[in-house]
Amino acid sequence: MLEAIAAKDAQSFDAFCADRLAHTPTFDESTMTARYTTTRGRQLQFTHHGARLVDGVAINLDQWPLFEGPWLNAQRGTGIITLNYGGERVVFDFNTTTVTTEKTD
């Protein structure tokens, strides 16, 4: 498991590491299930070829974007990735194998 948080959300890097060591993921080989508690206390459970749960509630990842953030975005199945930074947008279109750049200011 990999978890990243903003530096402002941790007392220090050492405190973050200590917290993560106190909440290491578990893995059950017989059910192929991983369990993890996030820094915000969310309980994550992932079963190979099975359910994905957040706090015991099933999550359908097919409805989530592939990437979603202030700089990188992509909807699942579109073949298009968009990068935004510094007044520019770069669009990678894997359907047409093109890269276009445009100003956003």
C-alpha atoms as a PDB file:
ATOM      1  CA  MET A   1       0.000   0.000   0.000  1.00  0.00           C
ATOM      2  CA  LEU A   2       1.120   3.533  -0.718  1.00  0.00           C
ATOM      3  CA  GLU A   3      -0.323   6.584   0.972  1.00  0.00           C
ATOM      4  CA  ALA A   4       0.702  10.166   0.382  1.00  0.00           C
ATOM      5  CA  ILE A   5      -0.503  13.214   2.265  1.00  0.00           C
ATOM      6  CA  ALA A   6       0.384  16.894   2.215  1.00  0.00           C
ATOM      7  CA  ALA A   7       3.286  17.816   4.508  1.00  0.00           C
ATOM      8  CA  LYS A   8       0.992  20.268   6.334  1.00  0.00           C
ATOM      9  CA  ASP A   9      -1.253  17.350   7.348  1.00  0.00           C
ATOM     10  CA  ALA A  10       1.505  15.623   9.354  1.00  0.00           C
ATOM     11  CA  GLN A  11       3.319  16.838  12.444  1.00  0.00           C
ATOM     12  CA  SER A  12       6.568  15.724  10.843  1.00  0.00           C
ATOM     13  CA  PHE A  13       7.867  13.093   8.458  1.00  0.00           C
ATOM     14  CA  ASP A  14       8.988  10.971  11.417  1.00  0.00           C
ATOM     15  CA  ALA A  15       5.484  11.209  12.946  1.00  0.00           C
ATOM     16  CA  PHE A  16       3.938  10.177   9.624  1.00  0.00           C
ATOM     17  CA  CYS A  17       6.290   7.180   9.387  1.00  0.00           C
ATOM     18  CA  ALA A  18       5.581   6.149  12.980  1.00  0.00           C
ATOM     19  CA  ASP A  19       1.832   6.334  12.349  1.00  0.00           C
ATOM     20  CA  ARG A  20       2.117   4.228   9.201  1.00  0.00           C
ATOM     21  CA  LEU A  21       4.246   1.644  11.027  1.00  0.00           C
ATOM     22  CA  ALA A  22       1.523   1.436  13.677  1.00  0.00           C
ATOM     23  CA  HIS A  23      -1.074   0.810  10.944  1.00  0.00           C
ATOM     24  CA  THR A  24       0.664  -1.545   8.547  1.00  0.00           C
ATOM     25  CA  PRO A  25      -1.484  -3.320   5.958  1.00  0.00           C
ATOM     26  CA  THR A  26      -2.537  -6.907   6.561  1.00  0.00           C
ATOM     27  CA  PHE A  27      -2.929  -9.569   3.910  1.00  0.00           C
ATOM     28  CA  ASP A  28      -4.854 -12.838   4.171  1.00  0.00           C
ATOM     29  CA  GLU A  29      -3.408 -15.286   1.637  1.00  0.00           C
ATOM     30  CA  SER A  30      -6.338 -17.698   1.929  1.00  0.00           C
ATOM     31  CA  THR A  31      -8.871 -15.045   0.827  1.00  0.00           C
ATOM     32  CA  MET A  32      -6.414 -12.827  -1.088  1.00  0.00           C
ATOM     33  CA  THR A  33      -7.656  -9.846   0.934  1.00  0.00           C
ATOM     34  CA  ALA A  34      -5.650  -6.785   1.958  1.00  0.00           C
ATOM     35  CA  ARG A  35      -6.806  -4.464   4.755  1.00  0.00           C
ATOM     36  CA  TYR A  36      -5.445  -1.034   5.594  1.00  0.00           C
ATOM     37  CA  THR A  37      -6.309   1.918   7.839  1.00  0.00           C
ATOM     38  CA  THR A  38      -5.510   5.306   6.280  1.00  0.00           C
ATOM     39  CA  THR A  39      -4.068   8.323   8.091  1.00  0.00           C
ATOM     40  CA  ARG A  40      -7.629   9.693   8.234  1.00  0.00           C
ATOM     41  CA  GLY A  41      -8.938   6.508   9.840  1.00  0.00           C
ATOM     42  CA  ARG A  42     -10.674   5.058   6.767  1.00  0.00           C
ATOM     43  CA  GLN A  43     -10.778   1.271   6.658  1.00  0.00           C
ATOM     44  CA  LEU A  44      -9.850  -0.033   3.192  1.00  0.00           C
ATOM     45  CA  GLN A  45     -10.329  -3.653   2.141  1.00  0.00           C
ATOM     46  CA  PHE A  46      -9.439  -5.104  -1.239  1.00  0.00           C
ATOM     47  CA  THR A  47     -10.028  -8.711  -2.285  1.00  0.00           C
ATOM     48  CA  HIS A  48      -8.426 -10.049  -5.468  1.00  0.00           C
ATOM     49  CA  HIS A  49     -11.235 -10.544  -8.002  1.00  0.00           C
ATOM     50  CA  GLY A  50     -13.648  -9.403  -5.295  1.00  0.00           C
ATOM     51  CA  ALA A  51     -15.087  -6.473  -3.438  1.00  0.00           C
ATOM     52  CA  ARG A  52     -13.398  -3.189  -2.714  1.00  0.00           C
ATOM     53  CA  LEU A  53     -14.682  -1.725   0.536  1.00  0.00           C
ATOM     54  CA  VAL A  54     -14.229   1.655   2.223  1.00  0.00           C
ATOM     55  CA  ASP A  55     -15.468   1.631   5.815  1.00  0.00           C
ATOM     56  CA  GLY A  56     -17.421  -1.538   5.003  1.00  0.00           C
ATOM     57  CA  VAL A  57     -19.242  -0.031   2.008  1.00  0.00           C
ATOM     58  CA  ALA A  58     -18.683  -1.570  -1.446  1.00  0.00           C
ATOM     59  CA  ILE A  59     -17.094   0.809  -3.969  1.00  0.00           C
ATOM     60  CA  ASN A  60     -17.474   0.426  -7.733  1.00  0.00           C
ATOM     61  CA  LEU A  61     -14.119   1.591  -9.084  1.00  0.00           C
ATOM     62  CA  ASP A  62     -15.414   1.402 -12.671  1.00  0.00           C
ATOM     63  CA  GLN A  63     -17.265   4.660 -11.984  1.00  0.00           C
ATOM     64  CA  TRP A  64     -14.191   6.488 -10.657  1.00  0.00           C
ATOM     65  CA  PRO A  65     -12.001   8.587 -12.934  1.00  0.00           C
ATOM     66  CA  LEU A  66      -8.685   7.081 -13.929  1.00  0.00           C
ATOM     67  CA  PHE A  67      -6.999  10.298 -12.717  1.00  0.00           C
ATOM     68  CA  GLU A  68      -8.616  13.323 -11.107  1.00  0.00           C
ATOM     69  CA  GLY A  69      -6.766  16.293  -9.724  1.00  0.00           C
ATOM     70  CA  PRO A  70      -5.746  19.878 -10.256  1.00  0.00           C
ATOM     71  CA  TRP A  71      -3.056  19.017 -12.816  1.00  0.00           C
ATOM     72  CA  LEU A  72      -3.811  15.560 -14.248  1.00  0.00           C
ATOM     73  CA  ASN A  73      -7.194  14.256 -15.393  1.00  0.00           C
ATOM     74  CA  ALA A  74      -8.435  11.258 -17.367  1.00  0.00           C
ATOM     75  CA  GLN A  75     -11.776   9.519 -17.607  1.00  0.00           C
ATOM     76  CA  ARG A  76     -11.609   5.733 -17.711  1.00  0.00           C
ATOM     77  CA  GLY A  77     -11.905   4.274 -21.219  1.00  0.00           C
ATOM     78  CA  THR A  78     -11.520   7.554 -23.141  1.00  0.00           C
ATOM     79  CA  GLY A  79      -7.869   7.210 -24.123  1.00  0.00           C
ATOM     80  CA  ILE A  80      -7.316  10.884 -23.293  1.00  0.00           C
ATOM     81  CA  ILE A  81      -5.110  12.333 -20.533  1.00  0.00           C
ATOM     82  CA  THR A  82      -5.061  16.067 -19.829  1.00  0.00           C
ATOM     83  CA  LEU A  83      -2.264  17.910 -17.985  1.00  0.00           C
ATOM     84  CA  ASN A  84      -2.794  21.476 -16.724  1.00  0.00           C
ATOM     85  CA  TYR A  85       0.010  23.621 -15.378  1.00  0.00           C
ATOM     86  CA  GLY A  86       1.256  27.174 -15.541  1.00  0.00           C
ATOM     87  CA  GLY A  87      -1.314  28.497 -18.008  1.00  0.00           C
ATOM     88  CA  GLU A  88      -1.025  25.558 -20.400  1.00  0.00           C
ATOM     89  CA  ARG A  89      -3.064  22.462 -21.097  1.00  0.00           C
ATOM     90  CA  VAL A  90      -1.482  19.448 -22.790  1.00  0.00           C
ATOM     91  CA  VAL A  91      -3.826  16.789 -24.150  1.00  0.00           C
ATOM     92  CA  PHE A  92      -2.521  13.294 -24.879  1.00  0.00           C
ATOM     93  CA  ASP A  93      -4.988  11.510 -27.168  1.00  0.00           C
ATOM     94  CA  PHE A  94      -4.029   7.841 -27.414  1.00  0.00           C
ATOM     95  CA  ASN A  95      -6.878   7.214 -29.881  1.00  0.00           C
ATOM     96  CA  THR A  96      -5.282   9.430 -32.521  1.00  0.00           C
ATOM     97  CA  THR A  97      -1.716   9.277 -31.131  1.00  0.00           C
ATOM     98  CA  THR A  98      -1.597  13.066 -30.916  1.00  0.00           C
ATOM     99  CA  VAL A  99      -0.400  15.583 -28.354  1.00  0.00           C
ATOM    100  CA  THR A 100      -1.857  19.076 -28.413  1.00  0.00           C
ATOM    101  CA  THR A 101      -0.892  22.079 -26.314  1.00  0.00           C
ATOM    102  CA  GLU A 102      -3.065  25.114 -25.671  1.00  0.00           C
ATOM    103  CA  LYS A 103      -2.894  28.238 -23.524  1.00  0.00           C
ATOM    104  CA  THR A 104      -5.448  28.411 -20.687  1.00  0.00           C
ATOM    105  CA  ASP A 105      -4.937  32.071 -19.679  1.00  0.00           C
END
